[in-house]
Amino acid sequence: MSIQTPRFRGVDPATCERDYDSAELEFMQALEHYKKATGRRFPSSSEILGVVRSLGYIRVMPVSTGQ
């Protein structure tokens, strides 16, 4: 009997790989492109944030209710 939990759902037990959604694949491809272009195998947090921003992601601050 196998137990399906959200954490392990979609993981192939033979390869430990899971199905990625399109946003995850886009990010992984952009990061791989960055690593190849810069020769950096282990980008810093700042560099990863730059990759995320290059994909168009921005931080949206919560609206203040004035309380």
PDB file of N, CA and C in Angstrom:
ATOM      1  N   MET A   1       0.839  -1.171   0.000  1.00  0.00           N
ATOM      2  CA  MET A   1       0.000   0.000   0.000  1.00  0.00           C
ATOM      3  C   MET A   1       0.888   1.240   0.000  1.00  0.00           C
ATOM      4  N   SER A   2       0.666   2.131  -0.952  1.00  0.00           N
ATOM      5  CA  SER A   2       1.477   3.344  -1.004  1.00  0.00           C
ATOM      6  C   SER A   2       0.699   4.520  -0.444  1.00  0.00           C
ATOM      7  N   ILE A   3       1.412   5.363   0.267  1.00  0.00           N
ATOM      8  CA  ILE A   3       0.801   6.543   0.868  1.00  0.00           C
ATOM      9  C   ILE A   3       1.145   7.744  -0.005  1.00  0.00           C
ATOM     10  N   GLN A   4       0.131   8.443  -0.478  1.00  0.00           N
ATOM     11  CA  GLN A   4       0.342   9.619  -1.298  1.00  0.00           C
ATOM     12  C   GLN A   4       0.248  10.868  -0.429  1.00  0.00           C
ATOM     13  N   THR A   5       1.364  11.558  -0.279  1.00  0.00           N
ATOM     14  CA  THR A   5       1.365  12.825   0.443  1.00  0.00           C
ATOM     15  C   THR A   5       1.725  13.915  -0.549  1.00  0.00           C
ATOM     16  N   PRO A   6       1.323  15.160  -0.297  1.00  0.00           N
ATOM     17  CA  PRO A   6       1.663  16.234  -1.232  1.00  0.00           C
ATOM     18  C   PRO A   6       3.158  16.368  -1.476  1.00  0.00           C
ATOM     19  N   ARG A   7       3.961  16.065  -0.472  1.00  0.00           N
ATOM     20  CA  ARG A   7       5.405  16.192  -0.603  1.00  0.00           C
ATOM     21  C   ARG A   7       5.985  15.220  -1.620  1.00  0.00           C
ATOM     22  N   PHE A   8       5.457  14.015  -1.686  1.00  0.00           N
ATOM     23  CA  PHE A   8       6.021  12.984  -2.537  1.00  0.00           C
ATOM     24  C   PHE A   8       5.189  12.673  -3.773  1.00  0.00           C
ATOM     25  N   ARG A   9       4.085  13.348  -3.958  1.00  0.00           N
ATOM     26  CA  ARG A   9       3.221  13.083  -5.106  1.00  0.00           C
ATOM     27  C   ARG A   9       3.970  13.424  -6.394  1.00  0.00           C
ATOM     28  N   GLY A  10       3.912  12.546  -7.365  1.00  0.00           N
ATOM     29  CA  GLY A  10       4.530  12.791  -8.656  1.00  0.00           C
ATOM     30  C   GLY A  10       6.009  12.483  -8.726  1.00  0.00           C
ATOM     31  N   VAL A  11       6.585  11.893  -7.689  1.00  0.00           N
ATOM     32  CA  VAL A  11       8.007  11.560  -7.690  1.00  0.00           C
ATOM     33  C   VAL A  11       8.188  10.152  -8.233  1.00  0.00           C
ATOM     34  N   ASP A  12       9.063  10.036  -9.233  1.00  0.00           N
ATOM     35  CA  ASP A  12       9.375   8.736  -9.799  1.00  0.00           C
ATOM     36  C   ASP A  12      10.353   8.038  -8.858  1.00  0.00           C
ATOM     37  N   PRO A  13       9.946   6.925  -8.215  1.00  0.00           N
ATOM     38  CA  PRO A  13      10.828   6.278  -7.230  1.00  0.00           C
ATOM     39  C   PRO A  13      12.123   5.735  -7.842  1.00  0.00           C
ATOM     40  N   ALA A  14      12.134   5.478  -9.144  1.00  0.00           N
ATOM     41  CA  ALA A  14      13.331   4.938  -9.783  1.00  0.00           C
ATOM     42  C   ALA A  14      14.404   6.014  -9.961  1.00  0.00           C
ATOM     43  N   THR A  15      13.992   7.247 -10.202  1.00  0.00           N
ATOM     44  CA  THR A  15      14.969   8.305 -10.489  1.00  0.00           C
ATOM     45  C   THR A  15      14.932   9.445  -9.479  1.00  0.00           C
ATOM     46  N   CYS A  16      13.962   9.430  -8.572  1.00  0.00           N
ATOM     47  CA  CYS A  16      13.757  10.502  -7.594  1.00  0.00           C
ATOM     48  C   CYS A  16      13.462  11.837  -8.267  1.00  0.00           C
ATOM     49  N   GLU A  17      12.991  11.799  -9.513  1.00  0.00           N
ATOM     50  CA  GLU A  17      12.610  13.013 -10.219  1.00  0.00           C
ATOM     51  C   GLU A  17      11.096  13.151 -10.165  1.00  0.00           C
ATOM     52  N   ARG A  18      10.645  14.384 -10.244  1.00  0.00           N
ATOM     53  CA  ARG A  18       9.210  14.614 -10.230  1.00  0.00           C
ATOM     54  C   ARG A  18       8.810  15.412 -11.455  1.00  0.00           C
ATOM     55  N   ASP A  19       7.518  15.499 -11.680  1.00  0.00           N
ATOM     56  CA  ASP A  19       7.009  16.292 -12.785  1.00  0.00           C
ATOM     57  C   ASP A  19       7.013  17.756 -12.371  1.00  0.00           C
ATOM     58  N   TYR A  20       7.635  18.592 -13.187  1.00  0.00           N
ATOM     59  CA  TYR A  20       7.719  20.020 -12.896  1.00  0.00           C
ATOM     60  C   TYR A  20       6.689  20.775 -13.721  1.00  0.00           C
ATOM     61  N   ASP A  21       6.136  21.847 -13.146  1.00  0.00           N
ATOM     62  CA  ASP A  21       5.197  22.647 -13.918  1.00  0.00           C
ATOM     63  C   ASP A  21       5.987  23.591 -14.823  1.00  0.00           C
ATOM     64  N   SER A  22       5.296  24.319 -15.687  1.00  0.00           N
ATOM     65  CA  SER A  22       5.971  25.141 -16.682  1.00  0.00           C
ATOM     66  C   SER A  22       6.809  26.257 -16.048  1.00  0.00           C
ATOM     67  N   ALA A  23       6.345  26.845 -14.946  1.00  0.00           N
ATOM     68  CA  ALA A  23       7.110  27.912 -14.285  1.00  0.00           C
ATOM     69  C   ALA A  23       8.413  27.360 -13.702  1.00  0.00           C
ATOM     70  N   GLU A  24       8.353  26.162 -13.125  1.00  0.00           N
ATOM     71  CA  GLU A  24       9.556  25.547 -12.569  1.00  0.00           C
ATOM     72  C   GLU A  24      10.556  25.226 -13.676  1.00  0.00           C
ATOM     73  N   LEU A  25      10.067  24.686 -14.786  1.00  0.00           N
ATOM     74  CA  LEU A  25      10.949  24.369 -15.905  1.00  0.00           C
ATOM     75  C   LEU A  25      11.583  25.628 -16.475  1.00  0.00           C
ATOM     76  N   GLU A  26      10.793  26.706 -16.599  1.00  0.00           N
ATOM     77  CA  GLU A  26      11.315  27.970 -17.114  1.00  0.00           C
ATOM     78  C   GLU A  26      12.428  28.496 -16.213  1.00  0.00           C
ATOM     79  N   PHE A  27      12.229  28.433 -14.891  1.00  0.00           N
ATOM     80  CA  PHE A  27      13.248  28.894 -13.954  1.00  0.00           C
ATOM     81  C   PHE A  27      14.507  28.041 -14.052  1.00  0.00           C
ATOM     82  N   MET A  28      14.356  26.722 -14.075  1.00  0.00           N
ATOM     83  CA  MET A  28      15.530  25.844 -14.144  1.00  0.00           C
ATOM     84  C   MET A  28      16.311  26.073 -15.430  1.00  0.00           C
ATOM     85  N   GLN A  29      15.603  26.276 -16.548  1.00  0.00           N
ATOM     86  CA  GLN A  29      16.281  26.533 -17.812  1.00  0.00           C
ATOM     87  C   GLN A  29      17.006  27.871 -17.789  1.00  0.00           C
ATOM     88  N   ALA A  30      16.366  28.893 -17.212  1.00  0.00           N
ATOM     89  CA  ALA A  30      17.001  30.214 -17.118  1.00  0.00           C
ATOM     90  C   ALA A  30      18.237  30.146 -16.228  1.00  0.00           C
ATOM     91  N   LEU A  31      18.167  29.408 -15.141  1.00  0.00           N
ATOM     92  CA  LEU A  31      19.323  29.279 -14.248  1.00  0.00           C
ATOM     93  C   LEU A  31      20.461  28.524 -14.937  1.00  0.00           C
ATOM     94  N   GLU A  32      20.133  27.465 -15.659  1.00  0.00           N
ATOM     95  CA  GLU A  32      21.165  26.730 -16.396  1.00  0.00           C
ATOM     96  C   GLU A  32      21.805  27.621 -17.457  1.00  0.00           C
ATOM     97  N   HIS A  33      21.008  28.420 -18.150  1.00  0.00           N
ATOM     98  CA  HIS A  33      21.534  29.349 -19.146  1.00  0.00           C
ATOM     99  C   HIS A  33      22.488  30.344 -18.479  1.00  0.00           C
ATOM    100  N   TYR A  34      22.095  30.880 -17.336  1.00  0.00           N
ATOM    101  CA  TYR A  34      22.942  31.821 -16.601  1.00  0.00           C
ATOM    102  C   TYR A  34      24.269  31.168 -16.217  1.00  0.00           C
ATOM    103  N   LYS A  35      24.199  29.943 -15.695  1.00  0.00           N
ATOM    104  CA  LYS A  35      25.407  29.253 -15.258  1.00  0.00           C
ATOM    105  C   LYS A  35      26.357  29.004 -16.432  1.00  0.00           C
ATOM    106  N   LYS A  36      25.811  28.633 -17.584  1.00  0.00           N
ATOM    107  CA  LYS A  36      26.650  28.408 -18.764  1.00  0.00           C
ATOM    108  C   LYS A  36      27.238  29.707 -19.275  1.00  0.00           C
ATOM    109  N   ALA A  37      26.440  30.780 -19.272  1.00  0.00           N
ATOM    110  CA  ALA A  37      26.902  32.070 -19.793  1.00  0.00           C
ATOM    111  C   ALA A  37      27.982  32.692 -18.914  1.00  0.00           C
ATOM    112  N   THR A  38      27.905  32.464 -17.607  1.00  0.00           N
ATOM    113  CA  THR A  38      28.856  33.093 -16.683  1.00  0.00           C
ATOM    114  C   THR A  38      29.962  32.156 -16.216  1.00  0.00           C
ATOM    115  N   GLY A  39      29.790  30.871 -16.425  1.00  0.00           N
ATOM    116  CA  GLY A  39      30.776  29.907 -15.947  1.00  0.00           C
ATOM    117  C   GLY A  39      30.700  29.665 -14.449  1.00  0.00           C
ATOM    118  N   ARG A  40      29.627  30.115 -13.829  1.00  0.00           N
ATOM    119  CA  ARG A  40      29.460  29.953 -12.375  1.00  0.00           C
ATOM    120  C   ARG A  40      28.634  28.699 -12.118  1.00  0.00           C
ATOM    121  N   ARG A  41      29.236  27.706 -11.509  1.00  0.00           N
ATOM    122  CA  ARG A  41      28.515  26.472 -11.203  1.00  0.00           C
ATOM    123  C   ARG A  41      27.551  26.650 -10.041  1.00  0.00           C
ATOM    124  N   PHE A  42      27.912  27.529  -9.100  1.00  0.00           N
ATOM    125  CA  PHE A  42      27.094  27.734  -7.907  1.00  0.00           C
ATOM    126  C   PHE A  42      26.821  29.222  -7.740  1.00  0.00           C
ATOM    127  N   PRO A  43      25.785  29.744  -8.428  1.00  0.00           N
ATOM    128  CA  PRO A  43      25.483  31.176  -8.324  1.00  0.00           C
ATOM    129  C   PRO A  43      25.099  31.567  -6.898  1.00  0.00           C
ATOM    130  N   SER A  44      25.422  32.809  -6.557  1.00  0.00           N
ATOM    131  CA  SER A  44      25.066  33.331  -5.240  1.00  0.00           C
ATOM    132  C   SER A  44      23.562  33.625  -5.192  1.00  0.00           C
ATOM    133  N   SER A  45      23.093  33.909  -4.009  1.00  0.00           N
ATOM    134  CA  SER A  45      21.678  34.259  -3.846  1.00  0.00           C
ATOM    135  C   SER A  45      21.325  35.484  -4.677  1.00  0.00           C
ATOM    136  N   SER A  46      22.211  36.463  -4.705  1.00  0.00           N
ATOM    137  CA  SER A  46      21.974  37.677  -5.492  1.00  0.00           C
ATOM    138  C   SER A  46      21.878  37.362  -6.977  1.00  0.00           C
ATOM    139  N   GLU A  47      22.715  36.462  -7.451  1.00  0.00           N
ATOM    140  CA  GLU A  47      22.680  36.085  -8.861  1.00  0.00           C
ATOM    141  C   GLU A  47      21.401  35.325  -9.193  1.00  0.00           C
ATOM    142  N   ILE A  48      20.966  34.463  -8.297  1.00  0.00           N
ATOM    143  CA  ILE A  48      19.719  33.732  -8.513  1.00  0.00           C
ATOM    144  C   ILE A  48      18.542  34.696  -8.527  1.00  0.00           C
ATOM    145  N   LEU A  49      18.559  35.677  -7.621  1.00  0.00           N
ATOM    146  CA  LEU A  49      17.514  36.692  -7.614  1.00  0.00           C
ATOM    147  C   LEU A  49      17.501  37.452  -8.940  1.00  0.00           C
ATOM    148  N   GLY A  50      18.671  37.719  -9.501  1.00  0.00           N
ATOM    149  CA  GLY A  50      18.752  38.367 -10.804  1.00  0.00           C
ATOM    150  C   GLY A  50      18.112  37.531 -11.899  1.00  0.00           C
ATOM    151  N   VAL A  51      18.312  36.218 -11.848  1.00  0.00           N
ATOM    152  CA  VAL A  51      17.685  35.320 -12.825  1.00  0.00           C
ATOM    153  C   VAL A  51      16.167  35.376 -12.667  1.00  0.00           C
ATOM    154  N   VAL A  52      15.695  35.335 -11.433  1.00  0.00           N
ATOM    155  CA  VAL A  52      14.250  35.392 -11.174  1.00  0.00           C
ATOM    156  C   VAL A  52      13.678  36.696 -11.721  1.00  0.00           C
ATOM    157  N   ARG A  53      14.367  37.811 -11.461  1.00  0.00           N
ATOM    158  CA  ARG A  53      13.902  39.109 -11.958  1.00  0.00           C
ATOM    159  C   ARG A  53      13.932  39.168 -13.477  1.00  0.00           C
ATOM    160  N   SER A  54      14.929  38.520 -14.095  1.00  0.00           N
ATOM    161  CA  SER A  54      15.013  38.522 -15.557  1.00  0.00           C
ATOM    162  C   SER A  54      13.827  37.801 -16.191  1.00  0.00           C
ATOM    163  N   LEU A  55      13.191  36.930 -15.417  1.00  0.00           N
ATOM    164  CA  LEU A  55      11.993  36.231 -15.889  1.00  0.00           C
ATOM    165  C   LEU A  55      10.735  37.077 -15.715  1.00  0.00           C
ATOM    166  N   GLY A  56      10.885  38.241 -15.080  1.00  0.00           N
ATOM    167  CA  GLY A  56       9.754  39.151 -14.939  1.00  0.00           C
ATOM    168  C   GLY A  56       9.093  39.126 -13.578  1.00  0.00           C
ATOM    169  N   TYR A  57       9.642  38.374 -12.645  1.00  0.00           N
ATOM    170  CA  TYR A  57       9.044  38.319 -11.313  1.00  0.00           C
ATOM    171  C   TYR A  57       9.415  39.560 -10.519  1.00  0.00           C
ATOM    172  N   ILE A  58       8.452  40.094  -9.798  1.00  0.00           N
ATOM    173  CA  ILE A  58       8.687  41.233  -8.922  1.00  0.00           C
ATOM    174  C   ILE A  58       8.038  40.948  -7.579  1.00  0.00           C
ATOM    175  N   ARG A  59       8.573  41.582  -6.554  1.00  0.00           N
ATOM    176  CA  ARG A  59       7.999  41.427  -5.217  1.00  0.00           C
ATOM    177  C   ARG A  59       6.873  42.434  -5.069  1.00  0.00           C
ATOM    178  N   VAL A  60       5.720  41.943  -4.688  1.00  0.00           N
ATOM    179  CA  VAL A  60       4.566  42.805  -4.483  1.00  0.00           C
ATOM    180  C   VAL A  60       4.368  42.947  -2.984  1.00  0.00           C
ATOM    181  N   MET A  61       4.443  44.175  -2.515  1.00  0.00           N
ATOM    182  CA  MET A  61       4.281  44.446  -1.094  1.00  0.00           C
ATOM    183  C   MET A  61       2.793  44.447  -0.746  1.00  0.00           C
ATOM    184  N   PRO A  62       2.431  43.926   0.409  1.00  0.00           N
ATOM    185  CA  PRO A  62       1.030  43.925   0.820  1.00  0.00           C
ATOM    186  C   PRO A  62       0.523  45.363   0.975  1.00  0.00           C
ATOM    187  N   VAL A  63      -0.744  45.552   0.657  1.00  0.00           N
ATOM    188  CA  VAL A  63      -1.362  46.872   0.773  1.00  0.00           C
ATOM    189  C   VAL A  63      -1.605  47.168   2.240  1.00  0.00           C
ATOM    190  N   SER A  64      -1.155  48.333   2.703  1.00  0.00           N
ATOM    191  CA  SER A  64      -1.350  48.739   4.092  1.00  0.00           C
ATOM    192  C   SER A  64      -2.781  49.225   4.279  1.00  0.00           C
ATOM    193  N   THR A  65      -3.397  48.810   5.396  1.00  0.00           N
ATOM    194  CA  THR A  65      -4.758  49.245   5.669  1.00  0.00           C
ATOM    195  C   THR A  65      -4.777  50.504   6.510  1.00  0.00           C
ATOM    196  N   GLY A  66      -3.598  51.024   6.872  1.00  0.00           N
ATOM    197  CA  GLY A  66      -3.500  52.275   7.610  1.00  0.00           C
ATOM    198  C   GLY A  66      -3.780  52.138   9.086  1.00  0.00           C
ATOM    199  N   GLN A  67      -3.726  50.935   9.611  1.00  0.00           N
ATOM    200  CA  GLN A  67      -3.985  50.729  11.053  1.00  0.00           C
ATOM    201  C   GLN A  67      -2.713  50.731  11.824  1.00  0.00           C
TER     202      GLN A  67
END
